[in-house]
């Protein structure tokens, strides 16, 4: 079994794309929140949608953040690096 370094054991964040091919990302998110083991998992939703209601639905379900994906790969890679820095290094999770 893979052993995670101690500093990563408590620092896990889910990146959830709302625009998946075979299942609605919001339905996956609902399951994450229903499950006792994952209900407090920080979830950052990713979307290409420009519809405000799509983003608000994610926040209504308890999203910790929402990122609108860009078609510019370099910008997206930079954003993901910054996201990782925040959630895995700077953010303090509640106990």
Protein backbone atom coordinates (compact mmCIF):
# COMPACT_ATOMS: atom_id res chain seq x y z
CA UNK A 1 0.00 0.00 0.00
CA UNK A 2 1.23 3.51 -0.85
CA UNK A 3 2.25 5.47 2.24
CA UNK A 4 1.67 9.20 2.07
CA UNK A 5 4.07 11.58 3.78
CA UNK A 6 2.64 12.78 7.11
CA UNK A 7 2.13 16.34 5.87
CA UNK A 8 -0.12 15.08 3.05
CA UNK A 9 -2.31 12.81 5.16
CA UNK A 10 -4.37 15.72 6.49
CA UNK A 11 -4.00 17.91 3.41
CA UNK A 12 -6.20 16.45 0.73
CA UNK A 13 -8.35 18.51 -1.59
CA UNK A 14 -10.63 17.26 -4.35
CA UNK A 15 -10.63 18.98 -7.73
CA UNK A 16 -14.00 18.21 -9.25
CA UNK A 17 -14.76 19.01 -12.87
CA UNK A 18 -18.46 19.73 -13.30
CA UNK A 19 -18.29 19.00 -17.03
CA UNK A 20 -17.58 15.27 -17.15
CA UNK A 21 -18.63 13.13 -20.08
CA UNK A 22 -20.68 10.38 -18.46
CA UNK A 23 -21.84 11.83 -15.15
CA UNK A 24 -22.88 15.23 -13.88
CA UNK A 25 -20.19 16.67 -11.62
CA UNK A 26 -22.81 18.11 -9.28
CA UNK A 27 -24.18 14.59 -8.70
CA UNK A 28 -20.68 13.40 -7.80
CA UNK A 29 -20.38 16.36 -5.45
CA UNK A 30 -23.66 15.45 -3.74
CA UNK A 31 -22.30 11.95 -3.10
CA UNK A 32 -19.08 13.39 -1.66
CA UNK A 33 -21.12 15.44 0.81
CA UNK A 34 -23.44 12.51 1.71
CA UNK A 35 -20.57 10.18 2.57
CA UNK A 36 -19.47 10.40 6.22
CA UNK A 37 -15.81 9.86 5.27
CA UNK A 38 -15.69 12.62 2.65
CA UNK A 39 -18.28 15.17 3.72
CA UNK A 40 -15.66 17.59 5.11
CA UNK A 41 -13.25 17.09 2.23
CA UNK A 42 -12.36 20.45 0.70
CA UNK A 43 -13.76 20.51 -2.83
CA UNK A 44 -12.70 22.92 -5.55
CA UNK A 45 -15.01 22.79 -8.53
CA UNK A 46 -13.75 23.38 -12.04
CA UNK A 47 -16.02 24.41 -14.88
CA UNK A 48 -16.01 25.82 -18.39
CA UNK A 49 -19.50 27.15 -17.83
CA UNK A 50 -20.13 30.87 -17.98
CA UNK A 51 -23.55 30.37 -16.39
CA UNK A 52 -23.67 31.92 -12.93
CA UNK A 53 -26.26 29.36 -11.80
CA UNK A 54 -23.82 26.47 -12.42
CA UNK A 55 -21.27 28.07 -10.13
CA UNK A 56 -23.86 28.97 -7.50
CA UNK A 57 -25.15 25.38 -7.45
CA UNK A 58 -21.65 24.26 -6.52
CA UNK A 59 -21.43 26.79 -3.71
CA UNK A 60 -24.92 25.84 -2.53
CA UNK A 61 -23.67 22.26 -2.15
CA UNK A 62 -20.71 23.46 -0.10
CA UNK A 63 -17.89 24.02 -2.59
CA UNK A 64 -14.85 25.60 -1.00
CA UNK A 65 -13.88 27.34 -4.22
CA UNK A 66 -14.76 27.51 -7.89
CA UNK A 67 -12.39 27.99 -10.78
CA UNK A 68 -13.55 28.76 -14.27
CA UNK A 69 -11.31 26.79 -16.60
CA UNK A 70 -9.57 28.62 -19.38
CA UNK A 71 -8.79 27.41 -22.87
CA UNK A 72 -5.27 28.77 -22.46
CA UNK A 73 -3.21 25.86 -21.18
CA UNK A 74 -0.38 27.95 -19.72
CA UNK A 75 -2.83 30.04 -17.70
CA UNK A 76 -4.59 26.92 -16.43
CA UNK A 77 -1.33 25.24 -15.41
CA UNK A 78 -0.29 28.37 -13.53
CA UNK A 79 -3.66 28.52 -11.77
CA UNK A 80 -3.41 24.86 -10.74
CA UNK A 81 0.07 25.41 -9.29
CA UNK A 82 -1.24 28.34 -7.25
CA UNK A 83 -4.22 26.26 -6.17
CA UNK A 84 -1.92 23.48 -4.97
CA UNK A 85 0.21 25.95 -3.05
CA UNK A 86 -2.82 27.34 -1.27
CA UNK A 87 -4.69 24.13 -0.45
CA UNK A 88 -1.72 21.88 0.29
CA UNK A 89 0.76 24.28 1.87
CA UNK A 90 -0.96 27.41 3.22
CA UNK A 91 -4.51 26.39 4.12
CA UNK A 92 -5.22 25.17 7.65
CA UNK A 93 -7.92 22.52 7.72
CA UNK A 94 -10.40 22.32 10.57
CA UNK A 95 -10.20 19.29 12.82
